[in-house]
Full PDB file with SEQRES, HELIX, SHEET, SSBOND, CRYST1, ORIGX, SCALE, CONECT and MASTER records, all heavy atoms in Angstrom:
SEQRES   1 A   35  GLU VAL VAL GLY ARG THR GLU ASP GLY ARG ARG VAL ALA          
SEQRES   2 A   35  ALA MET MET THR ALA GLY GLY TYR ALA GLU ARG ALA VAL          
SEQRES   3 A   35  VAL PRO GLU HIS GLN ALA PHE ALA VAL                          
HELIX    1 AA1 GLU A   29  GLN A   31  5                                   3    
SHEET    1 AA1 3 VAL A   2  ARG A   5  0                                        
SHEET    2 AA1 3 ARG A  11  ALA A  14 -1                                        
SHEET    3 AA1 3 ALA A  32  ALA A  34 -1                                        
CRYST1    1.000    1.000    1.000  90.00  90.00  90.00 P 1           1          
ORIGX1      1.000000  0.000000  0.000000        0.00000                         
ORIGX2      0.000000  1.000000  0.000000        0.00000                         
ORIGX3      0.000000  0.000000  1.000000        0.00000                         
SCALE1      1.000000  0.000000  0.000000        0.00000                         
SCALE2      0.000000  1.000000  0.000000        0.00000                         
SCALE3      0.000000  0.000000  1.000000        0.00000                         
ATOM      1  N   GLU A   1     -49.682 -59.994 -58.820  1.00  0.00           N  
ATOM      2  CA  GLU A   1     -49.793 -59.046 -57.709  1.00  0.00           C  
ATOM      3  C   GLU A   1     -48.541 -59.085 -56.846  1.00  0.00           C  
ATOM      4  O   GLU A   1     -47.974 -60.151 -56.598  1.00  0.00           O  
ATOM      5  CB  GLU A   1     -51.042 -59.345 -56.870  1.00  0.00           C  
ATOM      6  CG  GLU A   1     -51.167 -60.785 -56.437  1.00  0.00           C  
ATOM      7  CD  GLU A   1     -52.481 -61.101 -55.744  1.00  0.00           C  
ATOM      8  OE1 GLU A   1     -53.438 -60.322 -55.851  1.00  0.00           O  
ATOM      9  OE2 GLU A   1     -52.537 -62.149 -55.074  1.00  0.00           O  
ATOM     10  N   VAL A   2     -48.121 -57.898 -56.443  1.00  0.00           N  
ATOM     11  CA  VAL A   2     -46.913 -57.767 -55.634  1.00  0.00           C  
ATOM     12  C   VAL A   2     -47.092 -56.665 -54.605  1.00  0.00           C  
ATOM     13  O   VAL A   2     -47.942 -55.775 -54.747  1.00  0.00           O  
ATOM     14  CB  VAL A   2     -45.671 -57.432 -56.500  1.00  0.00           C  
ATOM     15  CG1 VAL A   2     -45.376 -58.544 -57.501  1.00  0.00           C  
ATOM     16  CG2 VAL A   2     -45.848 -56.093 -57.222  1.00  0.00           C  
ATOM     17  N   VAL A   3     -46.264 -56.721 -53.566  1.00  0.00           N  
ATOM     18  CA  VAL A   3     -46.104 -55.598 -52.650  1.00  0.00           C  
ATOM     19  C   VAL A   3     -44.608 -55.366 -52.505  1.00  0.00           C  
ATOM     20  O   VAL A   3     -43.816 -56.317 -52.509  1.00  0.00           O  
ATOM     21  CB  VAL A   3     -46.766 -55.854 -51.281  1.00  0.00           C  
ATOM     22  CG1 VAL A   3     -46.162 -57.062 -50.582  1.00  0.00           C  
ATOM     23  CG2 VAL A   3     -46.676 -54.612 -50.394  1.00  0.00           C  
ATOM     24  N   GLY A   4     -44.225 -54.089 -52.427  1.00  0.00           N  
ATOM     25  CA  GLY A   4     -42.809 -53.781 -52.312  1.00  0.00           C  
ATOM     26  C   GLY A   4     -42.591 -52.288 -52.345  1.00  0.00           C  
ATOM     27  O   GLY A   4     -43.504 -51.505 -52.057  1.00  0.00           O  
ATOM     28  N   ARG A   5     -41.386 -51.911 -52.709  1.00  0.00           N  
ATOM     29  CA  ARG A   5     -41.012 -50.493 -52.710  1.00  0.00           C  
ATOM     30  C   ARG A   5     -40.607 -50.056 -54.115  1.00  0.00           C  
ATOM     31  O   ARG A   5     -39.946 -50.794 -54.850  1.00  0.00           O  
ATOM     32  CB  ARG A   5     -39.843 -50.247 -51.758  1.00  0.00           C  
ATOM     33  CG  ARG A   5     -40.155 -50.596 -50.308  1.00  0.00           C  
ATOM     34  CD  ARG A   5     -40.186 -49.390 -49.446  1.00  0.00           C  
ATOM     35  NE  ARG A   5     -40.588 -49.713 -48.079  1.00  0.00           N  
ATOM     36  CZ  ARG A   5     -41.301 -48.901 -47.321  1.00  0.00           C  
ATOM     37  NH1 ARG A   5     -41.715 -47.731 -47.813  1.00  0.00           N  
ATOM     38  NH2 ARG A   5     -41.640 -49.228 -46.090  1.00  0.00           N  
ATOM     39  N   THR A   6     -40.999 -48.845 -54.458  1.00  0.00           N  
ATOM     40  CA  THR A   6     -40.582 -48.257 -55.726  1.00  0.00           C  
ATOM     41  C   THR A   6     -39.157 -47.726 -55.589  1.00  0.00           C  
ATOM     42  O   THR A   6     -38.578 -47.687 -54.499  1.00  0.00           O  
ATOM     43  CB  THR A   6     -41.521 -47.111 -56.127  1.00  0.00           C  
ATOM     44  OG1 THR A   6     -41.454 -46.085 -55.117  1.00  0.00           O  
ATOM     45  CG2 THR A   6     -42.959 -47.603 -56.246  1.00  0.00           C  
ATOM     46  N   GLU A   7     -38.587 -47.312 -56.698  1.00  0.00           N  
ATOM     47  CA  GLU A   7     -37.229 -46.773 -56.685  1.00  0.00           C  
ATOM     48  C   GLU A   7     -37.090 -45.567 -55.759  1.00  0.00           C  
ATOM     49  O   GLU A   7     -36.025 -45.325 -55.194  1.00  0.00           O  
ATOM     50  CB  GLU A   7     -36.809 -46.385 -58.104  1.00  0.00           C  
ATOM     51  CG  GLU A   7     -36.641 -47.565 -59.052  1.00  0.00           C  
ATOM     52  CD  GLU A   7     -35.337 -48.314 -58.808  1.00  0.00           C  
ATOM     53  OE1 GLU A   7     -35.303 -49.157 -57.886  1.00  0.00           O  
ATOM     54  OE2 GLU A   7     -34.365 -48.051 -59.526  1.00  0.00           O  
ATOM     55  N   ASP A   8     -38.160 -44.778 -55.605  1.00  0.00           N  
ATOM     56  CA  ASP A   8     -38.095 -43.607 -54.725  1.00  0.00           C  
ATOM     57  C   ASP A   8     -38.573 -43.908 -53.299  1.00  0.00           C  
ATOM     58  O   ASP A   8     -38.820 -42.994 -52.510  1.00  0.00           O  
ATOM     59  CB  ASP A   8     -38.889 -42.438 -55.319  1.00  0.00           C  
ATOM     60  CG  ASP A   8     -40.361 -42.777 -55.556  1.00  0.00           C  
ATOM     61  OD1 ASP A   8     -40.776 -43.900 -55.188  1.00  0.00           O  
ATOM     62  OD2 ASP A   8     -41.086 -41.925 -56.095  1.00  0.00           O  
ATOM     63  N   GLY A   9     -38.739 -45.209 -52.964  1.00  0.00           N  
ATOM     64  CA  GLY A   9     -39.000 -45.587 -51.585  1.00  0.00           C  
ATOM     65  C   GLY A   9     -40.453 -45.708 -51.181  1.00  0.00           C  
ATOM     66  O   GLY A   9     -40.740 -46.038 -50.015  1.00  0.00           O  
ATOM     67  N   ARG A  10     -41.384 -45.467 -52.097  1.00  0.00           N  
ATOM     68  CA  ARG A  10     -42.799 -45.598 -51.739  1.00  0.00           C  
ATOM     69  C   ARG A  10     -43.183 -47.068 -51.604  1.00  0.00           C  
ATOM     70  O   ARG A  10     -42.774 -47.902 -52.414  1.00  0.00           O  
ATOM     71  CB  ARG A  10     -43.686 -44.955 -52.808  1.00  0.00           C  
ATOM     72  CG  ARG A  10     -43.663 -43.439 -52.797  1.00  0.00           C  
ATOM     73  CD  ARG A  10     -44.527 -42.886 -53.911  1.00  0.00           C  
ATOM     74  NE  ARG A  10     -43.962 -43.173 -55.227  1.00  0.00           N  
ATOM     75  CZ  ARG A  10     -44.678 -43.394 -56.318  1.00  0.00           C  
ATOM     76  NH1 ARG A  10     -46.007 -43.425 -56.267  1.00  0.00           N  
ATOM     77  NH2 ARG A  10     -44.082 -43.626 -57.484  1.00  0.00           N  
ATOM     78  N   ARG A  11     -43.999 -47.382 -50.593  1.00  0.00           N  
ATOM     79  CA  ARG A  11     -44.491 -48.749 -50.411  1.00  0.00           C  
ATOM     80  C   ARG A  11     -45.815 -48.872 -51.140  1.00  0.00           C  
ATOM     81  O   ARG A  11     -46.777 -48.142 -50.859  1.00  0.00           O  
ATOM     82  CB  ARG A  11     -44.672 -49.058 -48.926  1.00  0.00           C  
ATOM     83  CG  ARG A  11     -45.043 -50.514 -48.654  1.00  0.00           C  
ATOM     84  CD  ARG A  11     -44.937 -50.827 -47.169  1.00  0.00           C  
ATOM     85  NE  ARG A  11     -45.329 -52.205 -46.890  1.00  0.00           N  
ATOM     86  CZ  ARG A  11     -46.336 -52.548 -46.096  1.00  0.00           C  
ATOM     87  NH1 ARG A  11     -47.057 -51.614 -45.474  1.00  0.00           N  
ATOM     88  NH2 ARG A  11     -46.634 -53.819 -45.909  1.00  0.00           N  
ATOM     89  N   VAL A  12     -45.883 -49.811 -52.086  1.00  0.00           N  
ATOM     90  CA  VAL A  12     -47.084 -49.960 -52.904  1.00  0.00           C  
ATOM     91  C   VAL A  12     -47.454 -51.433 -53.028  1.00  0.00           C  
ATOM     92  O   VAL A  12     -46.614 -52.321 -52.924  1.00  0.00           O  
ATOM     93  CB  VAL A  12     -46.905 -49.356 -54.325  1.00  0.00           C  
ATOM     94  CG1 VAL A  12     -46.629 -47.868 -54.259  1.00  0.00           C  
ATOM     95  CG2 VAL A  12     -45.809 -50.086 -55.095  1.00  0.00           C  
ATOM     96  N   ALA A  13     -48.730 -51.661 -53.247  1.00  0.00           N  
ATOM     97  CA  ALA A  13     -49.242 -52.962 -53.673  1.00  0.00           C  
ATOM     98  C   ALA A  13     -49.772 -52.763 -55.079  1.00  0.00           C  
ATOM     99  O   ALA A  13     -50.455 -51.772 -55.344  1.00  0.00           O  
ATOM    100  CB  ALA A  13     -50.344 -53.451 -52.740  1.00  0.00           C  
ATOM    101  N   ALA A  14     -49.446 -53.688 -55.975  1.00  0.00           N  
ATOM    102  CA  ALA A  14     -49.760 -53.439 -57.377  1.00  0.00           C  
ATOM    103  C   ALA A  14     -50.176 -54.709 -58.090  1.00  0.00           C  
ATOM    104  O   ALA A  14     -49.804 -55.817 -57.696  1.00  0.00           O  
ATOM    105  CB  ALA A  14     -48.554 -52.819 -58.091  1.00  0.00           C  
ATOM    106  N   MET A  15     -50.946 -54.506 -59.147  1.00  0.00           N  
ATOM    107  CA  MET A  15     -51.390 -55.600 -59.997  1.00  0.00           C  
ATOM    108  C   MET A  15     -50.909 -55.385 -61.423  1.00  0.00           C  
ATOM    109  O   MET A  15     -50.760 -54.256 -61.885  1.00  0.00           O  
ATOM    110  CB  MET A  15     -52.915 -55.709 -59.972  1.00  0.00           C  
ATOM    111  CG  MET A  15     -53.462 -56.086 -58.611  1.00  0.00           C  
ATOM    112  SD  MET A  15     -55.201 -56.547 -58.704  1.00  0.00           S  
ATOM    113  CE  MET A  15     -55.078 -58.060 -59.670  1.00  0.00           C  
ATOM    114  N   MET A  16     -50.669 -56.499 -62.097  1.00  0.00           N  
ATOM    115  CA  MET A  16     -50.272 -56.461 -63.501  1.00  0.00           C  
ATOM    116  C   MET A  16     -50.698 -57.776 -64.132  1.00  0.00           C  
ATOM    117  O   MET A  16     -51.162 -58.678 -63.443  1.00  0.00           O  
ATOM    118  CB  MET A  16     -48.769 -56.231 -63.659  1.00  0.00           C  
ATOM    119  CG  MET A  16     -47.907 -57.250 -62.977  1.00  0.00           C  
ATOM    120  SD  MET A  16     -47.764 -57.027 -61.202  1.00  0.00           S  
ATOM    121  CE  MET A  16     -46.309 -58.060 -60.936  1.00  0.00           C  
ATOM    122  N   THR A  17     -50.547 -57.897 -65.427  1.00  0.00           N  
ATOM    123  CA  THR A  17     -50.992 -59.120 -66.101  1.00  0.00           C  
ATOM    124  C   THR A  17     -50.046 -60.280 -65.843  1.00  0.00           C  
ATOM    125  O   THR A  17     -50.469 -61.440 -65.823  1.00  0.00           O  
ATOM    126  CB  THR A  17     -51.112 -58.898 -67.616  1.00  0.00           C  
ATOM    127  OG1 THR A  17     -49.866 -58.389 -68.109  1.00  0.00           O  
ATOM    128  CG2 THR A  17     -52.220 -57.904 -67.933  1.00  0.00           C  
ATOM    129  N   ALA A  18     -48.755 -60.005 -65.623  1.00  0.00           N  
ATOM    130  CA  ALA A  18     -47.763 -61.057 -65.368  1.00  0.00           C  
ATOM    131  C   ALA A  18     -46.505 -60.390 -64.848  1.00  0.00           C  
ATOM    132  O   ALA A  18     -46.368 -59.167 -64.870  1.00  0.00           O  
ATOM    133  CB  ALA A  18     -47.467 -61.849 -66.639  1.00  0.00           C  
ATOM    134  N   GLY A  19     -45.572 -61.228 -64.342  1.00  0.00           N  
ATOM    135  CA  GLY A  19     -44.281 -60.709 -63.921  1.00  0.00           C  
ATOM    136  C   GLY A  19     -44.065 -60.622 -62.430  1.00  0.00           C  
ATOM    137  O   GLY A  19     -43.001 -60.173 -61.979  1.00  0.00           O  
ATOM    138  N   GLY A  20     -45.037 -61.080 -61.627  1.00  0.00           N  
ATOM    139  CA  GLY A  20     -44.960 -60.882 -60.191  1.00  0.00           C  
ATOM    140  C   GLY A  20     -44.051 -61.838 -59.438  1.00  0.00           C  
ATOM    141  O   GLY A  20     -43.518 -61.496 -58.390  1.00  0.00           O  
ATOM    142  N   TYR A  21     -43.865 -63.056 -59.951  1.00  0.00           N  
ATOM    143  CA  TYR A  21     -43.026 -64.037 -59.253  1.00  0.00           C  
ATOM    144  C   TYR A  21     -41.557 -63.719 -59.533  1.00  0.00           C  
ATOM    145  O   TYR A  21     -40.862 -64.435 -60.247  1.00  0.00           O  
ATOM    146  CB  TYR A  21     -43.297 -65.449 -59.754  1.00  0.00           C  
ATOM    147  CG  TYR A  21     -44.633 -66.082 -59.455  1.00  0.00           C  
ATOM    148  CD1 TYR A  21     -45.686 -65.380 -58.881  1.00  0.00           C  
ATOM    149  CD2 TYR A  21     -44.850 -67.426 -59.776  1.00  0.00           C  
ATOM    150  CE1 TYR A  21     -46.907 -65.990 -58.625  1.00  0.00           C  
ATOM    151  CE2 TYR A  21     -46.068 -68.052 -59.522  1.00  0.00           C  
ATOM    152  CZ  TYR A  21     -47.095 -67.324 -58.947  1.00  0.00           C  
ATOM    153  OH  TYR A  21     -48.290 -67.938 -58.716  1.00  0.00           O  
ATOM    154  N   ALA A  22     -41.062 -62.649 -58.952  1.00  0.00           N  
ATOM    155  CA  ALA A  22     -39.719 -62.194 -59.278  1.00  0.00           C  
ATOM    156  C   ALA A  22     -39.206 -61.255 -58.189  1.00  0.00           C  
ATOM    157  O   ALA A  22     -39.967 -60.751 -57.367  1.00  0.00           O  
ATOM    158  CB  ALA A  22     -39.718 -61.474 -60.628  1.00  0.00           C  
ATOM    159  N   GLU A  23     -37.885 -61.022 -58.204  1.00  0.00           N  
ATOM    160  CA  GLU A  23     -37.300 -60.082 -57.249  1.00  0.00           C  
ATOM    161  C   GLU A  23     -37.659 -58.645 -57.584  1.00  0.00           C  
ATOM    162  O   GLU A  23     -37.740 -57.790 -56.696  1.00  0.00           O  
ATOM    163  CB  GLU A  23     -35.782 -60.251 -57.222  1.00  0.00           C  
ATOM    164  CG  GLU A  23     -35.331 -61.587 -56.644  1.00  0.00           C  
ATOM    165  CD  GLU A  23     -33.835 -61.743 -56.644  1.00  0.00           C  
ATOM    166  OE1 GLU A  23     -33.198 -61.451 -57.695  1.00  0.00           O  
ATOM    167  OE2 GLU A  23     -33.294 -62.155 -55.601  1.00  0.00           O  
ATOM    168  N   ARG A  24     -37.882 -58.360 -58.846  1.00  0.00           N  
ATOM    169  CA  ARG A  24     -38.292 -57.030 -59.279  1.00  0.00           C  
ATOM    170  C   ARG A  24     -39.370 -57.176 -60.349  1.00  0.00           C  
ATOM    171  O   ARG A  24     -39.340 -58.115 -61.143  1.00  0.00           O  
ATOM    172  CB  ARG A  24     -37.092 -56.243 -59.831  1.00  0.00           C  
ATOM    173  CG  ARG A  24     -36.124 -55.796 -58.738  1.00  0.00           C  
ATOM    174  CD  ARG A  24     -34.866 -55.148 -59.276  1.00  0.00           C  
ATOM    175  NE  ARG A  24     -33.943 -56.105 -59.859  1.00  0.00           N  
ATOM    176  CZ  ARG A  24     -33.145 -56.910 -59.163  1.00  0.00           C  
ATOM    177  NH1 ARG A  24     -33.167 -56.899 -57.848  1.00  0.00           N  
ATOM    178  NH2 ARG A  24     -32.316 -57.736 -59.773  1.00  0.00           N  
ATOM    179  N   ALA A  25     -40.297 -56.226 -60.350  1.00  0.00           N  
ATOM    180  CA  ALA A  25     -41.412 -56.291 -61.291  1.00  0.00           C  
ATOM    181  C   ALA A  25     -41.752 -54.891 -61.786  1.00  0.00           C  
ATOM    182  O   ALA A  25     -41.600 -53.909 -61.045  1.00  0.00           O  
ATOM    183  CB  ALA A  25     -42.638 -56.919 -60.637  1.00  0.00           C  
ATOM    184  N   VAL A  26     -42.212 -54.821 -63.015  1.00  0.00           N  
ATOM    185  CA  VAL A  26     -42.687 -53.561 -63.584  1.00  0.00           C  
ATOM    186  C   VAL A  26     -44.207 -53.589 -63.581  1.00  0.00           C  
ATOM    187  O   VAL A  26     -44.826 -54.552 -64.049  1.00  0.00           O  
ATOM    188  CB  VAL A  26     -42.145 -53.365 -65.015  1.00  0.00           C  
ATOM    189  CG1 VAL A  26     -42.869 -52.215 -65.706  1.00  0.00           C  
ATOM    190  CG2 VAL A  26     -40.645 -53.100 -64.973  1.00  0.00           C  
ATOM    191  N   VAL A  27     -44.796 -52.523 -63.031  1.00  0.00           N  
ATOM    192  CA  VAL A  27     -46.252 -52.481 -62.882  1.00  0.00           C  
ATOM    193  C   VAL A  27     -46.799 -51.185 -63.476  1.00  0.00           C  
ATOM    194  O   VAL A  27     -46.111 -50.161 -63.493  1.00  0.00           O  
ATOM    195  CB  VAL A  27     -46.653 -52.577 -61.391  1.00  0.00           C  
ATOM    196  CG1 VAL A  27     -46.046 -53.824 -60.751  1.00  0.00           C  
ATOM    197  CG2 VAL A  27     -46.238 -51.340 -60.617  1.00  0.00           C  
ATOM    198  N   PRO A  28     -48.044 -51.224 -63.996  1.00  0.00           N  
ATOM    199  CA  PRO A  28     -48.671 -49.987 -64.457  1.00  0.00           C  
ATOM    200  C   PRO A  28     -48.889 -49.041 -63.272  1.00  0.00           C  
ATOM    201  O   PRO A  28     -49.357 -49.454 -62.212  1.00  0.00           O  
ATOM    202  CB  PRO A  28     -50.010 -50.463 -65.037  1.00  0.00           C  
ATOM    203  CG  PRO A  28     -49.835 -51.928 -65.285  1.00  0.00           C  
ATOM    204  CD  PRO A  28     -48.896 -52.402 -64.229  1.00  0.00           C  
ATOM    205  N   GLU A  29     -48.538 -47.787 -63.443  1.00  0.00           N  
ATOM    206  CA  GLU A  29     -48.637 -46.823 -62.338  1.00  0.00           C  
ATOM    207  C   GLU A  29     -50.058 -46.698 -61.805  1.00  0.00           C  
ATOM    208  O   GLU A  29     -50.270 -46.570 -60.602  1.00  0.00           O  
ATOM    209  CB  GLU A  29     -48.114 -45.458 -62.801  1.00  0.00           C  
ATOM    210  CG  GLU A  29     -47.893 -44.484 -61.678  1.00  0.00           C  
ATOM    211  CD  GLU A  29     -47.036 -43.297 -62.097  1.00  0.00           C  
ATOM    212  OE1 GLU A  29     -46.697 -43.197 -63.293  1.00  0.00           O  
ATOM    213  OE2 GLU A  29     -46.710 -42.484 -61.226  1.00  0.00           O  
ATOM    214  N   HIS A  30     -51.065 -46.782 -62.700  1.00  0.00           N  
ATOM    215  CA  HIS A  30     -52.451 -46.607 -62.250  1.00  0.00           C  
ATOM    216  C   HIS A  30     -52.999 -47.856 -61.550  1.00  0.00           C  
ATOM    217  O   HIS A  30     -54.110 -47.822 -61.029  1.00  0.00           O  
ATOM    218  CB  HIS A  30     -53.354 -46.220 -63.426  1.00  0.00           C  
ATOM    219  CG  HIS A  30     -53.605 -47.326 -64.406  1.00  0.00           C  
ATOM    220  ND1 HIS A  30     -52.693 -47.684 -65.365  1.00  0.00           N  
ATOM    221  CD2 HIS A  30     -54.668 -48.157 -64.574  1.00  0.00           C  
ATOM    222  CE1 HIS A  30     -53.175 -48.678 -66.079  1.00  0.00           C  
ATOM    223  NE2 HIS A  30     -54.355 -48.998 -65.628  1.00  0.00           N  
ATOM    224  N   GLN A  31     -52.212 -48.940 -61.526  1.00  0.00           N  
ATOM    225  CA  GLN A  31     -52.629 -50.154 -60.839  1.00  0.00           C  
ATOM    226  C   GLN A  31     -51.793 -50.411 -59.580  1.00  0.00           C  
ATOM    227  O   GLN A  31     -51.760 -51.522 -59.055  1.00  0.00           O  
ATOM    228  CB  GLN A  31     -52.551 -51.350 -61.782  1.00  0.00           C  
ATOM    229  CG  GLN A  31     -53.586 -51.278 -62.897  1.00  0.00           C  
ATOM    230  CD  GLN A  31     -53.440 -52.349 -63.963  1.00  0.00           C  
ATOM    231  OE1 GLN A  31     -53.939 -52.205 -65.089  1.00  0.00           O  
ATOM    232  NE2 GLN A  31     -52.768 -53.431 -63.647  1.00  0.00           N  
ATOM    233  N   ALA A  32     -51.145 -49.349 -59.102  1.00  0.00           N  
ATOM    234  CA  ALA A  32     -50.356 -49.416 -57.874  1.00  0.00           C  
ATOM    235  C   ALA A  32     -51.054 -48.577 -56.804  1.00  0.00           C  
ATOM    236  O   ALA A  32     -51.421 -47.424 -57.049  1.00  0.00           O  
ATOM    237  CB  ALA A  32     -48.945 -48.905 -58.121  1.00  0.00           C  
ATOM    238  N   PHE A  33     -51.248 -49.165 -55.634  1.00  0.00           N  
ATOM    239  CA  PHE A  33     -51.989 -48.512 -54.554  1.00  0.00           C  
ATOM    240  C   PHE A  33     -51.088 -48.296 -53.346  1.00  0.00           C  
ATOM    241  O   PHE A  33     -50.294 -49.179 -52.979  1.00  0.00           O  
ATOM    242  CB  PHE A  33     -53.195 -49.364 -54.140  1.00  0.00           C  
ATOM    243  CG  PHE A  33     -54.036 -49.809 -55.301  1.00  0.00           C  
ATOM    244  CD1 PHE A  33     -54.104 -51.155 -55.654  1.00  0.00           C  
ATOM    245  CD2 PHE A  33     -54.749 -48.900 -56.056  1.00  0.00           C  
ATOM    246  CE1 PHE A  33     -54.872 -51.571 -56.729  1.00  0.00           C  
ATOM    247  CE2 PHE A  33     -55.516 -49.304 -57.138  1.00  0.00           C  
ATOM    248  CZ  PHE A  33     -55.583 -50.645 -57.475  1.00  0.00           C  
ATOM    249  N   ALA A  34     -51.214 -47.135 -52.720  1.00  0.00           N  
ATOM    250  CA  ALA A  34     -50.432 -46.833 -51.529  1.00  0.00           C  
ATOM    251  C   ALA A  34     -50.813 -47.791 -50.400  1.00  0.00           C  
ATOM    252  O   ALA A  34     -51.996 -48.087 -50.204  1.00  0.00           O  
ATOM    253  CB  ALA A  34     -50.677 -45.395 -51.099  1.00  0.00           C  
ATOM    254  N   VAL A  35     -49.819 -48.267 -49.668  1.00  0.00           N  
ATOM    255  CA  VAL A  35     -50.042 -49.228 -48.587  1.00  0.00           C  
ATOM    256  C   VAL A  35     -49.759 -48.552 -47.243  1.00  0.00           C  
ATOM    257  O   VAL A  35     -48.645 -48.062 -47.025  1.00  0.00           O  
ATOM    258  CB  VAL A  35     -49.136 -50.465 -48.732  1.00  0.00           C  
ATOM    259  CG1 VAL A  35     -49.368 -51.437 -47.580  1.00  0.00           C  
ATOM    260  CG2 VAL A  35     -49.389 -51.150 -50.070  1.00  0.00           C  
TER     261      VAL A  35                                                      
MASTER        0    0    0    1    3    0    0    6  260    1    0    3          
END                                                                             
């Protein structure tokens, strides 16, 4: 789980199976929620 900004500036909180402990993460679009 992460919170941050997408490339186009949207602030989202998102879940994925792995990859969150990082400066950048790739998340499934349908598992990203507007914050």
